[in-house]
Amino acid sequence: PRDIRHLKRQKVVEDLFKSAFHKQRLGNKASEILKHLEEIDKHIQKAA
């Protein structure tokens, strides 16, 4: 649980979760994910 990569992923998940409810300042990776949201969501729709 103290692995730096895991901790970074936790922060990104928290940022993405918060962004679903209100606008806020996001970390770099979360911002990058939101830029690709349409493409990412297409992959999710295809998988589920």
All heavy atoms as atom14 arrays in JSON, in Angstrom:
{
  "sequence": "PRDIRHLKRQKVVEDLFKSAFHKQRLGNKASEILKHLEEIDKHIQKAA",
  "atom14_mask": [
    [1, 1, 1, 1, 1, 1, 1, 0, 0, 0, 0, 0, 0, 0],
    [1, 1, 1, 1, 1, 1, 1, 1, 1, 1, 1, 0, 0, 0],
    [1, 1, 1, 1, 1, 1, 1, 1, 0, 0, 0, 0, 0, 0],
    [1, 1, 1, 1, 1, 1, 1, 1, 0, 0, 0, 0, 0, 0],
    [1, 1, 1, 1, 1, 1, 1, 1, 1, 1, 1, 0, 0, 0],
    [1, 1, 1, 1, 1, 1, 1, 1, 1, 1, 0, 0, 0, 0],
    [1, 1, 1, 1, 1, 1, 1, 1, 0, 0, 0, 0, 0, 0],
    [1, 1, 1, 1, 1, 1, 1, 1, 1, 0, 0, 0, 0, 0],
    [1, 1, 1, 1, 1, 1, 1, 1, 1, 1, 1, 0, 0, 0],
    [1, 1, 1, 1, 1, 1, 1, 1, 1, 0, 0, 0, 0, 0],
    [1, 1, 1, 1, 1, 1, 1, 1, 1, 0, 0, 0, 0, 0],
    [1, 1, 1, 1, 1, 1, 1, 0, 0, 0, 0, 0, 0, 0],
    [1, 1, 1, 1, 1, 1, 1, 0, 0, 0, 0, 0, 0, 0],
    [1, 1, 1, 1, 1, 1, 1, 1, 1, 0, 0, 0, 0, 0],
    [1, 1, 1, 1, 1, 1, 1, 1, 0, 0, 0, 0, 0, 0],
    [1, 1, 1, 1, 1, 1, 1, 1, 0, 0, 0, 0, 0, 0],
    [1, 1, 1, 1, 1, 1, 1, 1, 1, 1, 1, 0, 0, 0],
    [1, 1, 1, 1, 1, 1, 1, 1, 1, 0, 0, 0, 0, 0],
    [1, 1, 1, 1, 1, 1, 0, 0, 0, 0, 0, 0, 0, 0],
    [1, 1, 1, 1, 1, 0, 0, 0, 0, 0, 0, 0, 0, 0],
    [1, 1, 1, 1, 1, 1, 1, 1, 1, 1, 1, 0, 0, 0],
    [1, 1, 1, 1, 1, 1, 1, 1, 1, 1, 0, 0, 0, 0],
    [1, 1, 1, 1, 1, 1, 1, 1, 1, 0, 0, 0, 0, 0],
    [1, 1, 1, 1, 1, 1, 1, 1, 1, 0, 0, 0, 0, 0],
    [1, 1, 1, 1, 1, 1, 1, 1, 1, 1, 1, 0, 0, 0],
    [1, 1, 1, 1, 1, 1, 1, 1, 0, 0, 0, 0, 0, 0],
    [1, 1, 1, 1, 0, 0, 0, 0, 0, 0, 0, 0, 0, 0],
    [1, 1, 1, 1, 1, 1, 1, 1, 0, 0, 0, 0, 0, 0],
    [1, 1, 1, 1, 1, 1, 1, 1, 1, 0, 0, 0, 0, 0],
    [1, 1, 1, 1, 1, 0, 0, 0, 0, 0, 0, 0, 0, 0],
    [1, 1, 1, 1, 1, 1, 0, 0, 0, 0, 0, 0, 0, 0],
    [1, 1, 1, 1, 1, 1, 1, 1, 1, 0, 0, 0, 0, 0],
    [1, 1, 1, 1, 1, 1, 1, 1, 0, 0, 0, 0, 0, 0],
    [1, 1, 1, 1, 1, 1, 1, 1, 0, 0, 0, 0, 0, 0],
    [1, 1, 1, 1, 1, 1, 1, 1, 1, 0, 0, 0, 0, 0],
    [1, 1, 1, 1, 1, 1, 1, 1, 1, 1, 0, 0, 0, 0],
    [1, 1, 1, 1, 1, 1, 1, 1, 0, 0, 0, 0, 0, 0],
    [1, 1, 1, 1, 1, 1, 1, 1, 1, 0, 0, 0, 0, 0],
    [1, 1, 1, 1, 1, 1, 1, 1, 1, 0, 0, 0, 0, 0],
    [1, 1, 1, 1, 1, 1, 1, 1, 0, 0, 0, 0, 0, 0],
    [1, 1, 1, 1, 1, 1, 1, 1, 0, 0, 0, 0, 0, 0],
    [1, 1, 1, 1, 1, 1, 1, 1, 1, 0, 0, 0, 0, 0],
    [1, 1, 1, 1, 1, 1, 1, 1, 1, 1, 0, 0, 0, 0],
    [1, 1, 1, 1, 1, 1, 1, 1, 0, 0, 0, 0, 0, 0],
    [1, 1, 1, 1, 1, 1, 1, 1, 1, 0, 0, 0, 0, 0],
    [1, 1, 1, 1, 1, 1, 1, 1, 1, 0, 0, 0, 0, 0],
    [1, 1, 1, 1, 1, 0, 0, 0, 0, 0, 0, 0, 0, 0],
    [1, 1, 1, 1, 1, 0, 0, 0, 0, 0, 0, 0, 0, 0]
  ],
  "atom14_positions": [
    [[0.8, -1.23, 0.0], [0.0, 0.0, 0.0], [0.83, 1.28, 0.0], [0.32, 2.34, -0.23], [-0.84, -0.11, 1.27], [-0.09, -1.06, 2.14], [0.65, -2.0, 1.22], [0.0, 0.0, 0.0], [0.0, 0.0, 0.0], [0.0, 0.0, 0.0], [0.0, 0.0, 0.0], [0.0, 0.0, 0.0], [0.0, 0.0, 0.0], [0.0, 0.0, 0.0]],
    [[2.12, 1.17, 0.25], [2.98, 2.36, 0.27], [3.76, 2.52, -1.03], [4.59, 3.42, -1.15], [3.94, 2.28, 1.44], [3.23, 2.3, 2.76], [4.21, 2.15, 3.89], [3.51, 1.81, 5.11], [3.29, 2.66, 6.09], [3.69, 3.89, 6.02], [2.65, 2.28, 7.18], [0.0, 0.0, 0.0], [0.0, 0.0, 0.0], [0.0, 0.0, 0.0]],
    [[3.51, 1.63, -1.99], [4.18, 1.73, -3.29], [3.83, 3.07, -3.93], [2.65, 3.43, -4.02], [3.74, 0.57, -4.18], [4.34, 0.64, -5.57], [5.56, 0.87, -5.68], [3.58, 0.46, -6.55], [0.0, 0.0, 0.0], [0.0, 0.0, 0.0], [0.0, 0.0, 0.0], [0.0, 0.0, 0.0], [0.0, 0.0, 0.0], [0.0, 0.0, 0.0]],
    [[4.82, 3.78, -4.37], [4.61, 5.14, -4.91], [3.67, 5.11, -6.12], [2.84, 6.01, -6.28], [5.96, 5.82, -5.24], [5.75, 7.3, -5.54], [6.66, 5.16, -6.4], [5.51, 8.12, -4.33], [0.0, 0.0, 0.0], [0.0, 0.0, 0.0], [0.0, 0.0, 0.0], [0.0, 0.0, 0.0], [0.0, 0.0, 0.0], [0.0, 0.0, 0.0]],
    [[3.76, 4.09, -6.96], [2.87, 4.02, -8.13], [1.42, 3.81, -7.69], [0.51, 4.39, -8.26], [3.31, 2.9, -9.07], [4.64, 3.2, -9.75], [5.14, 2.02, -10.48], [5.43, 0.99, -9.47], [6.01, -0.16, -9.71], [6.36, -0.47, -10.92], [6.24, -1.03, -8.75], [0.0, 0.0, 0.0], [0.0, 0.0, 0.0], [0.0, 0.0, 0.0]],
    [[1.24, 2.99, -6.65], [-0.11, 2.76, -6.14], [-0.68, 4.05, -5.54], [-1.84, 4.4, -5.78], [-0.08, 1.65, -5.08], [-1.42, 1.31, -4.54], [-2.35, 0.58, -5.26], [-2.03, 1.62, -3.36], [-3.45, 0.45, -4.54], [-3.28, 1.08, -3.38], [0.0, 0.0, 0.0], [0.0, 0.0, 0.0], [0.0, 0.0, 0.0], [0.0, 0.0, 0.0]],
    [[0.14, 4.76, -4.78], [-0.31, 6.01, -4.18], [-0.68, 7.05, -5.24], [-1.66, 7.78, -5.09], [0.77, 6.56, -3.24], [1.07, 5.71, -2.0], [2.26, 6.26, -1.25], [-0.14, 5.58, -1.11], [0.0, 0.0, 0.0], [0.0, 0.0, 0.0], [0.0, 0.0, 0.0], [0.0, 0.0, 0.0], [0.0, 0.0, 0.0], [0.0, 0.0, 0.0]],
    [[0.09, 7.1, -6.32], [-0.22, 8.02, -7.41], [-1.55, 7.65, -8.07], [-2.36, 8.51, -8.4], [0.89, 8.03, -8.45], [2.13, 8.76, -8.0], [3.2, 8.74, -9.08], [4.46, 9.45, -8.62], [5.51, 9.42, -9.65], [0.0, 0.0, 0.0], [0.0, 0.0, 0.0], [0.0, 0.0, 0.0], [0.0, 0.0, 0.0], [0.0, 0.0, 0.0]],
    [[-1.76, 6.35, -8.26], [-3.02, 5.9, -8.86], [-4.19, 6.22, -7.94], [-5.27, 6.6, -8.42], [-2.96, 4.41, -9.16], [-2.12, 4.08, -10.38], [-2.2, 2.6, -10.73], [-1.49, 2.31, -11.95], [-0.35, 1.64, -12.01], [0.24, 1.2, -10.9], [0.23, 1.4, -13.17], [0.0, 0.0, 0.0], [0.0, 0.0, 0.0], [0.0, 0.0, 0.0]],
    [[-4.0, 6.08, -6.65], [-5.07, 6.43, -5.71], [-5.46, 7.9, -5.89], [-6.65, 8.23, -5.92], [-4.6, 6.22, -4.26], [-4.59, 4.8, -3.81], [-4.1, 4.67, -2.39], [-3.19, 5.37, -1.97], [-4.71, 3.77, -1.63], [0.0, 0.0, 0.0], [0.0, 0.0, 0.0], [0.0, 0.0, 0.0], [0.0, 0.0, 0.0], [0.0, 0.0, 0.0]],
    [[-4.48, 8.77, -6.0], [-4.73, 10.21, -6.16], [-5.49, 10.48, -7.46], [-6.42, 11.28, -7.48], [-3.4, 10.97, -6.14], [-3.52, 12.44, -6.4], [-4.25, 13.17, -5.29], [-4.21, 14.66, -5.53], [-5.5, 15.27, -5.42], [0.0, 0.0, 0.0], [0.0, 0.0, 0.0], [0.0, 0.0, 0.0], [0.0, 0.0, 0.0], [0.0, 0.0, 0.0]],
    [[-5.12, 9.79, -8.53], [-5.8, 9.99, -9.81], [-7.25, 9.54, -9.71], [-8.16, 10.24, -10.18], [-5.07, 9.25, -10.96], [-5.86, 9.32, -12.24], [-3.68, 9.84, -11.17], [0.0, 0.0, 0.0], [0.0, 0.0, 0.0], [0.0, 0.0, 0.0], [0.0, 0.0, 0.0], [0.0, 0.0, 0.0], [0.0, 0.0, 0.0], [0.0, 0.0, 0.0]],
    [[-7.49, 8.38, -9.1], [-8.87, 7.9, -8.94], [-9.68, 8.89, -8.12], [-10.82, 9.21, -8.47], [-8.89, 6.49, -8.3], [-10.29, 6.1, -7.86], [-8.35, 5.46, -9.29], [0.0, 0.0, 0.0], [0.0, 0.0, 0.0], [0.0, 0.0, 0.0], [0.0, 0.0, 0.0], [0.0, 0.0, 0.0], [0.0, 0.0, 0.0], [0.0, 0.0, 0.0]],
    [[-9.1, 9.4, -7.05], [-9.8, 10.39, -6.23], [-10.12, 11.65, -7.04], [-11.23, 12.18, -6.96], [-8.95, 10.75, -5.01], [-8.87, 9.62, -4.0], [-7.84, 9.87, -2.9], [-7.3, 10.99, -2.81], [-7.59, 8.93, -2.12], [0.0, 0.0, 0.0], [0.0, 0.0, 0.0], [0.0, 0.0, 0.0], [0.0, 0.0, 0.0], [0.0, 0.0, 0.0]],
    [[-9.17, 12.12, -7.84], [-9.41, 13.31, -8.67], [-10.52, 13.05, -9.69], [-11.39, 13.89, -9.89], [-8.13, 13.71, -9.42], [-7.14, 14.46, -8.56], [-7.47, 14.81, -7.41], [-6.0, 14.69, -9.04], [0.0, 0.0, 0.0], [0.0, 0.0, 0.0], [0.0, 0.0, 0.0], [0.0, 0.0, 0.0], [0.0, 0.0, 0.0], [0.0, 0.0, 0.0]],
    [[-10.47, 11.9, -10.35], [-11.5, 11.58, -11.34], [-12.87, 11.46, -10.69], [-13.87, 11.91, -11.25], [-11.14, 10.29, -12.08], [-9.94, 10.36, -13.01], [-9.58, 8.98, -13.52], [-10.22, 11.3, -14.17], [0.0, 0.0, 0.0], [0.0, 0.0, 0.0], [0.0, 0.0, 0.0], [0.0, 0.0, 0.0], [0.0, 0.0, 0.0], [0.0, 0.0, 0.0]],
    [[-12.93, 10.86, -9.51], [-14.19, 10.72, -8.8], [-14.75, 12.09, -8.44], [-15.92, 12.39, -8.68], [-14.0, 9.87, -7.54], [-15.24, 9.75, -6.71], [-16.26, 8.89, -7.09], [-15.39, 10.48, -5.55], [-17.4, 8.77, -6.33], [-16.54, 10.37, -4.78], [-17.55, 9.51, -5.17], [0.0, 0.0, 0.0], [0.0, 0.0, 0.0], [0.0, 0.0, 0.0]],
    [[-13.91, 12.95, -7.89], [-14.35, 14.29, -7.51], [-14.82, 15.09, -8.72], [-15.78, 15.86, -8.63], [-13.22, 15.04, -6.81], [-12.89, 14.51, -5.44], [-11.68, 15.24, -4.89], [-11.13, 14.59, -3.65], [-9.88, 15.25, -3.2], [0.0, 0.0, 0.0], [0.0, 0.0, 0.0], [0.0, 0.0, 0.0], [0.0, 0.0, 0.0], [0.0, 0.0, 0.0]],
    [[-14.15, 14.91, -9.85], [-14.5, 15.67, -11.05], [-15.87, 15.3, -11.58], [-16.48, 16.06, -12.33], [-13.44, 15.5, -12.14], [-13.53, 14.23, -12.74], [0.0, 0.0, 0.0], [0.0, 0.0, 0.0], [0.0, 0.0, 0.0], [0.0, 0.0, 0.0], [0.0, 0.0, 0.0], [0.0, 0.0, 0.0], [0.0, 0.0, 0.0], [0.0, 0.0, 0.0]],
    [[-16.38, 14.14, -11.19], [-17.72, 13.73, -11.62], [-18.8, 14.57, -10.95], [-19.93, 14.62, -11.42], [-17.94, 12.25, -11.31], [0.0, 0.0, 0.0], [0.0, 0.0, 0.0], [0.0, 0.0, 0.0], [0.0, 0.0, 0.0], [0.0, 0.0, 0.0], [0.0, 0.0, 0.0], [0.0, 0.0, 0.0], [0.0, 0.0, 0.0], [0.0, 0.0, 0.0]],
    [[-18.45, 15.24, -9.85], [-19.44, 15.99, -9.08], [-19.28, 17.5, -9.15], [-20.24, 18.22, -9.04], [-19.41, 15.54, -7.62], [-19.79, 14.09, -7.47], [-18.82, 13.13, -7.29], [-21.12, 13.7, -7.55], [-19.16, 11.79, -7.17], [-21.47, 12.36, -7.44], [-20.49, 11.41, -7.24], [0.0, 0.0, 0.0], [0.0, 0.0, 0.0], [0.0, 0.0, 0.0]],
    [[-18.04, 17.97, -9.27], [-17.84, 19.41, -9.35], [-16.49, 19.73, -9.97], [-15.59, 18.91, -9.99], [-17.95, 20.07, -7.97], [-17.06, 19.46, -6.92], [-15.74, 19.78, -6.8], [-17.32, 18.55, -5.97], [-15.21, 19.08, -5.81], [-16.15, 18.33, -5.29], [0.0, 0.0, 0.0], [0.0, 0.0, 0.0], [0.0, 0.0, 0.0], [0.0, 0.0, 0.0]],
    [[-16.41, 20.94, -10.5], [-15.16, 21.39, -11.11], [-14.14, 21.66, -10.01], [-14.46, 22.22, -8.98], [-15.37, 22.65, -11.94], [-16.16, 22.4, -13.19], [-16.06, 23.59, -14.1], [-16.84, 23.33, -15.35], [-16.02, 22.89, -16.43], [0.0, 0.0, 0.0], [0.0, 0.0, 0.0], [0.0, 0.0, 0.0], [0.0, 0.0, 0.0], [0.0, 0.0, 0.0]],
    [[-12.94, 21.26, -10.28], [-11.85, 21.47, -9.33], [-10.53, 21.38, -10.07], [-10.48, 20.94, -11.2], [-11.89, 20.44, -8.23], [-11.59, 19.03, -8.73], [-11.43, 18.07, -7.59], [-12.02, 18.24, -6.55], [-10.63, 17.06, -7.79], [0.0, 0.0, 0.0], [0.0, 0.0, 0.0], [0.0, 0.0, 0.0], [0.0, 0.0, 0.0], [0.0, 0.0, 0.0]],
    [[-9.5, 21.76, -9.41], [-8.16, 21.64, -9.98], [-7.74, 20.18, -9.9], [-7.85, 19.55, -8.84], [-7.2, 22.52, -9.21], [-5.86, 22.56, -9.86], [-4.99, 23.57, -9.2], [-3.7, 23.52, -9.87], [-2.74, 24.32, -9.63], [-2.88, 25.27, -8.74], [-1.6, 24.21, -10.27], [0.0, 0.0, 0.0], [0.0, 0.0, 0.0], [0.0, 0.0, 0.0]],
    [[-7.28, 19.65, -11.02], [-6.91, 18.24, -11.09], [-5.41, 18.09, -11.27], [-4.74, 18.98, -11.78], [-7.62, 17.57, -12.26], [-9.13, 17.61, -12.26], [-9.66, 17.07, -13.56], [-9.69, 16.84, -11.09], [0.0, 0.0, 0.0], [0.0, 0.0, 0.0], [0.0, 0.0, 0.0], [0.0, 0.0, 0.0], [0.0, 0.0, 0.0], [0.0, 0.0, 0.0]],
    [[-4.92, 16.91, -10.91], [-3.53, 16.59, -11.17], [-3.31, 16.4, -12.66], [-4.26, 16.31, -13.45], [0.0, 0.0, 0.0], [0.0, 0.0, 0.0], [0.0, 0.0, 0.0], [0.0, 0.0, 0.0], [0.0, 0.0, 0.0], [0.0, 0.0, 0.0], [0.0, 0.0, 0.0], [0.0, 0.0, 0.0], [0.0, 0.0, 0.0], [0.0, 0.0, 0.0]],
    [[-2.06, 16.34, -13.07], [-1.72, 16.23, -14.49], [-2.33, 15.0, -15.15], [-2.87, 15.08, -16.24], [-0.2, 16.2, -14.67], [0.44, 17.53, -14.36], [-0.22, 18.57, -14.37], [1.72, 17.5, -14.06], [0.0, 0.0, 0.0], [0.0, 0.0, 0.0], [0.0, 0.0, 0.0], [0.0, 0.0, 0.0], [0.0, 0.0, 0.0], [0.0, 0.0, 0.0]],
    [[-2.22, 13.85, -14.49], [-2.7, 12.62, -15.1], [-4.22, 12.63, -15.22], [-4.77, 12.23, -16.25], [-2.23, 11.4, -14.32], [-2.43, 10.11, -15.07], [-1.61, 9.0, -14.46], [-1.67, 7.76, -15.32], [-0.75, 6.74, -14.84], [0.0, 0.0, 0.0], [0.0, 0.0, 0.0], [0.0, 0.0, 0.0], [0.0, 0.0, 0.0], [0.0, 0.0, 0.0]],
    [[-4.91, 13.09, -14.2], [-6.38, 13.16, -14.26], [-6.81, 14.11, -15.38], [-7.76, 13.82, -16.11], [-6.96, 13.6, -12.92], [0.0, 0.0, 0.0], [0.0, 0.0, 0.0], [0.0, 0.0, 0.0], [0.0, 0.0, 0.0], [0.0, 0.0, 0.0], [0.0, 0.0, 0.0], [0.0, 0.0, 0.0], [0.0, 0.0, 0.0], [0.0, 0.0, 0.0]],
    [[-6.12, 15.22, -15.53], [-6.43, 16.17, -16.61], [-6.21, 15.52, -17.96], [-7.01, 15.71, -18.9], [-5.55, 17.41, -16.49], [-5.85, 18.12, -15.32], [0.0, 0.0, 0.0], [0.0, 0.0, 0.0], [0.0, 0.0, 0.0], [0.0, 0.0, 0.0], [0.0, 0.0, 0.0], [0.0, 0.0, 0.0], [0.0, 0.0, 0.0], [0.0, 0.0, 0.0]],
    [[-5.14, 14.76, -18.08], [-4.84, 14.07, -19.34], [-5.92, 13.03, -19.65], [-6.35, 12.88, -20.79], [-3.46, 13.4, -19.25], [-2.93, 12.89, -20.55], [-2.62, 13.98, -21.57], [-2.36, 15.14, -21.18], [-2.64, 13.66, -22.78], [0.0, 0.0, 0.0], [0.0, 0.0, 0.0], [0.0, 0.0, 0.0], [0.0, 0.0, 0.0], [0.0, 0.0, 0.0]],
    [[-6.37, 12.33, -18.64], [-7.44, 11.34, -18.83], [-8.71, 12.03, -19.31], [-9.36, 11.55, -20.24], [-7.68, 10.55, -17.52], [-6.48, 9.64, -17.24], [-8.97, 9.75, -17.59], [-6.48, 9.01, -15.86], [0.0, 0.0, 0.0], [0.0, 0.0, 0.0], [0.0, 0.0, 0.0], [0.0, 0.0, 0.0], [0.0, 0.0, 0.0], [0.0, 0.0, 0.0]],
    [[-9.05, 13.15, -18.71], [-10.27, 13.85, -19.11], [-10.18, 14.38, -20.55], [-11.2, 14.49, -21.23], [-10.58, 14.98, -18.13], [-10.99, 14.5, -16.73], [-11.24, 15.7, -15.82], [-12.21, 13.6, -16.78], [0.0, 0.0, 0.0], [0.0, 0.0, 0.0], [0.0, 0.0, 0.0], [0.0, 0.0, 0.0], [0.0, 0.0, 0.0], [0.0, 0.0, 0.0]],
    [[-8.97, 14.68, -21.02], [-8.8, 15.1, -22.41], [-9.13, 13.97, -23.38], [-9.54, 14.22, -24.51], [-7.36, 15.56, -22.66], [-7.02, 16.88, -22.04], [-5.56, 17.23, -22.32], [-5.14, 18.44, -21.53], [-3.69, 18.72, -21.66], [0.0, 0.0, 0.0], [0.0, 0.0, 0.0], [0.0, 0.0, 0.0], [0.0, 0.0, 0.0], [0.0, 0.0, 0.0]],
    [[-8.93, 12.73, -22.94], [-9.17, 11.55, -23.78], [-10.46, 10.82, -23.4], [-10.65, 9.66, -23.75], [-7.99, 10.57, -23.67], [-6.72, 11.08, -24.25], [-5.79, 11.76, -23.51], [-6.24, 11.01, -25.51], [-4.78, 12.07, -24.27], [-5.02, 11.65, -25.5], [0.0, 0.0, 0.0], [0.0, 0.0, 0.0], [0.0, 0.0, 0.0], [0.0, 0.0, 0.0]],
    [[-11.33, 11.5, -22.68], [-12.51, 10.87, -22.11], [-13.4, 10.17, -23.14], [-13.86, 9.05, -22.9], [-13.32, 11.9, -21.32], [-14.21, 11.36, -20.23], [-13.43, 10.53, -19.24], [-14.91, 12.5, -19.52], [0.0, 0.0, 0.0], [0.0, 0.0, 0.0], [0.0, 0.0, 0.0], [0.0, 0.0, 0.0], [0.0, 0.0, 0.0], [0.0, 0.0, 0.0]],
    [[-13.61, 10.81, -24.26], [-14.48, 10.22, -25.28], [-13.92, 8.87, -25.76], [-14.65, 7.88, -25.83], [-14.64, 11.19, -26.46], [-15.68, 10.74, -27.46], [-15.9, 11.78, -28.55], [-15.88, 12.98, -28.24], [-16.09, 11.37, -29.7], [0.0, 0.0, 0.0], [0.0, 0.0, 0.0], [0.0, 0.0, 0.0], [0.0, 0.0, 0.0], [0.0, 0.0, 0.0]],
    [[-12.64, 8.84, -26.06], [-11.99, 7.6, -26.51], [-12.01, 6.54, -25.41], [-12.29, 5.37, -25.66], [-10.55, 7.91, -26.92], [-9.76, 6.7, -27.38], [-8.31, 7.03, -27.7], [-7.94, 8.21, -27.72], [-7.55, 6.07, -27.92], [0.0, 0.0, 0.0], [0.0, 0.0, 0.0], [0.0, 0.0, 0.0], [0.0, 0.0, 0.0], [0.0, 0.0, 0.0]],
    [[-11.71, 6.95, -24.19], [-11.69, 6.02, -23.05], [-13.07, 5.43, -22.83], [-13.23, 4.21, -22.65], [-11.17, 6.74, -21.79], [-9.68, 7.05, -21.93], [-11.44, 5.91, -20.54], [-9.13, 8.01, -20.89], [0.0, 0.0, 0.0], [0.0, 0.0, 0.0], [0.0, 0.0, 0.0], [0.0, 0.0, 0.0], [0.0, 0.0, 0.0], [0.0, 0.0, 0.0]],
    [[-14.09, 6.28, -22.84], [-15.45, 5.8, -22.61], [-15.92, 4.86, -23.71], [-16.69, 3.93, -23.46], [-16.42, 6.98, -22.44], [-16.27, 7.65, -21.08], [-15.51, 7.14, -20.22], [-16.91, 8.71, -20.88], [0.0, 0.0, 0.0], [0.0, 0.0, 0.0], [0.0, 0.0, 0.0], [0.0, 0.0, 0.0], [0.0, 0.0, 0.0], [0.0, 0.0, 0.0]],
    [[-15.45, 5.04, -24.93], [-15.78, 4.1, -26.02], [-15.2, 2.72, -25.72], [-15.85, 1.7, -25.96], [-15.24, 4.62, -27.36], [-16.07, 5.72, -27.95], [-15.52, 6.18, -29.28], [-16.27, 7.39, -29.79], [-15.71, 7.9, -31.05], [0.0, 0.0, 0.0], [0.0, 0.0, 0.0], [0.0, 0.0, 0.0], [0.0, 0.0, 0.0], [0.0, 0.0, 0.0]],
    [[-13.98, 2.68, -25.2], [-13.38, 1.41, -24.81], [-14.18, 0.73, -23.7], [-14.38, -0.48, -23.73], [-11.92, 1.61, -24.34], [-10.94, 1.85, -25.44], [-10.56, 0.89, -26.34], [-10.25, 2.97, -25.77], [-9.67, 1.38, -27.18], [-9.47, 2.66, -26.85], [0.0, 0.0, 0.0], [0.0, 0.0, 0.0], [0.0, 0.0, 0.0], [0.0, 0.0, 0.0]],
    [[-14.61, 1.53, -22.73], [-15.39, 0.98, -21.62], [-16.72, 0.43, -22.13], [-17.14, -0.66, -21.76], [-15.61, 2.04, -20.52], [-14.27, 2.4, -19.86], [-16.62, 1.55, -19.48], [-14.32, 3.6, -18.93], [0.0, 0.0, 0.0], [0.0, 0.0, 0.0], [0.0, 0.0, 0.0], [0.0, 0.0, 0.0], [0.0, 0.0, 0.0], [0.0, 0.0, 0.0]],
    [[-17.4, 1.18, -22.99], [-18.67, 0.73, -23.56], [-18.49, -0.57, -24.35], [-19.35, -1.45, -24.29], [-19.27, 1.8, -24.47], [-20.01, 2.88, -23.75], [-21.17, 2.34, -22.92], [-21.27, 2.67, -21.76], [-22.01, 1.51, -23.46], [0.0, 0.0, 0.0], [0.0, 0.0, 0.0], [0.0, 0.0, 0.0], [0.0, 0.0, 0.0], [0.0, 0.0, 0.0]],
    [[-17.39, -0.68, -25.04], [-17.1, -1.89, -25.82], [-16.87, -3.08, -24.89], [-17.31, -4.19, -25.18], [-15.87, -1.64, -26.7], [-15.65, -2.66, -27.76], [-14.5, -2.21, -28.65], [-14.26, -3.2, -29.75], [-13.15, -2.79, -30.61], [0.0, 0.0, 0.0], [0.0, 0.0, 0.0], [0.0, 0.0, 0.0], [0.0, 0.0, 0.0], [0.0, 0.0, 0.0]],
    [[-16.18, -2.85, -23.77], [-15.86, -3.92, -22.82], [-17.06, -4.31, -21.95], [-17.15, -5.45, -21.51], [-14.69, -3.5, -21.95], [0.0, 0.0, 0.0], [0.0, 0.0, 0.0], [0.0, 0.0, 0.0], [0.0, 0.0, 0.0], [0.0, 0.0, 0.0], [0.0, 0.0, 0.0], [0.0, 0.0, 0.0], [0.0, 0.0, 0.0], [0.0, 0.0, 0.0]],
    [[-17.94, -3.36, -21.69], [-19.1, -3.62, -20.82], [-20.36, -3.03, -21.45], [-20.95, -2.08, -20.93], [-18.85, -3.02, -19.44], [0.0, 0.0, 0.0], [0.0, 0.0, 0.0], [0.0, 0.0, 0.0], [0.0, 0.0, 0.0], [0.0, 0.0, 0.0], [0.0, 0.0, 0.0], [0.0, 0.0, 0.0], [0.0, 0.0, 0.0], [0.0, 0.0, 0.0]]
  ]
}
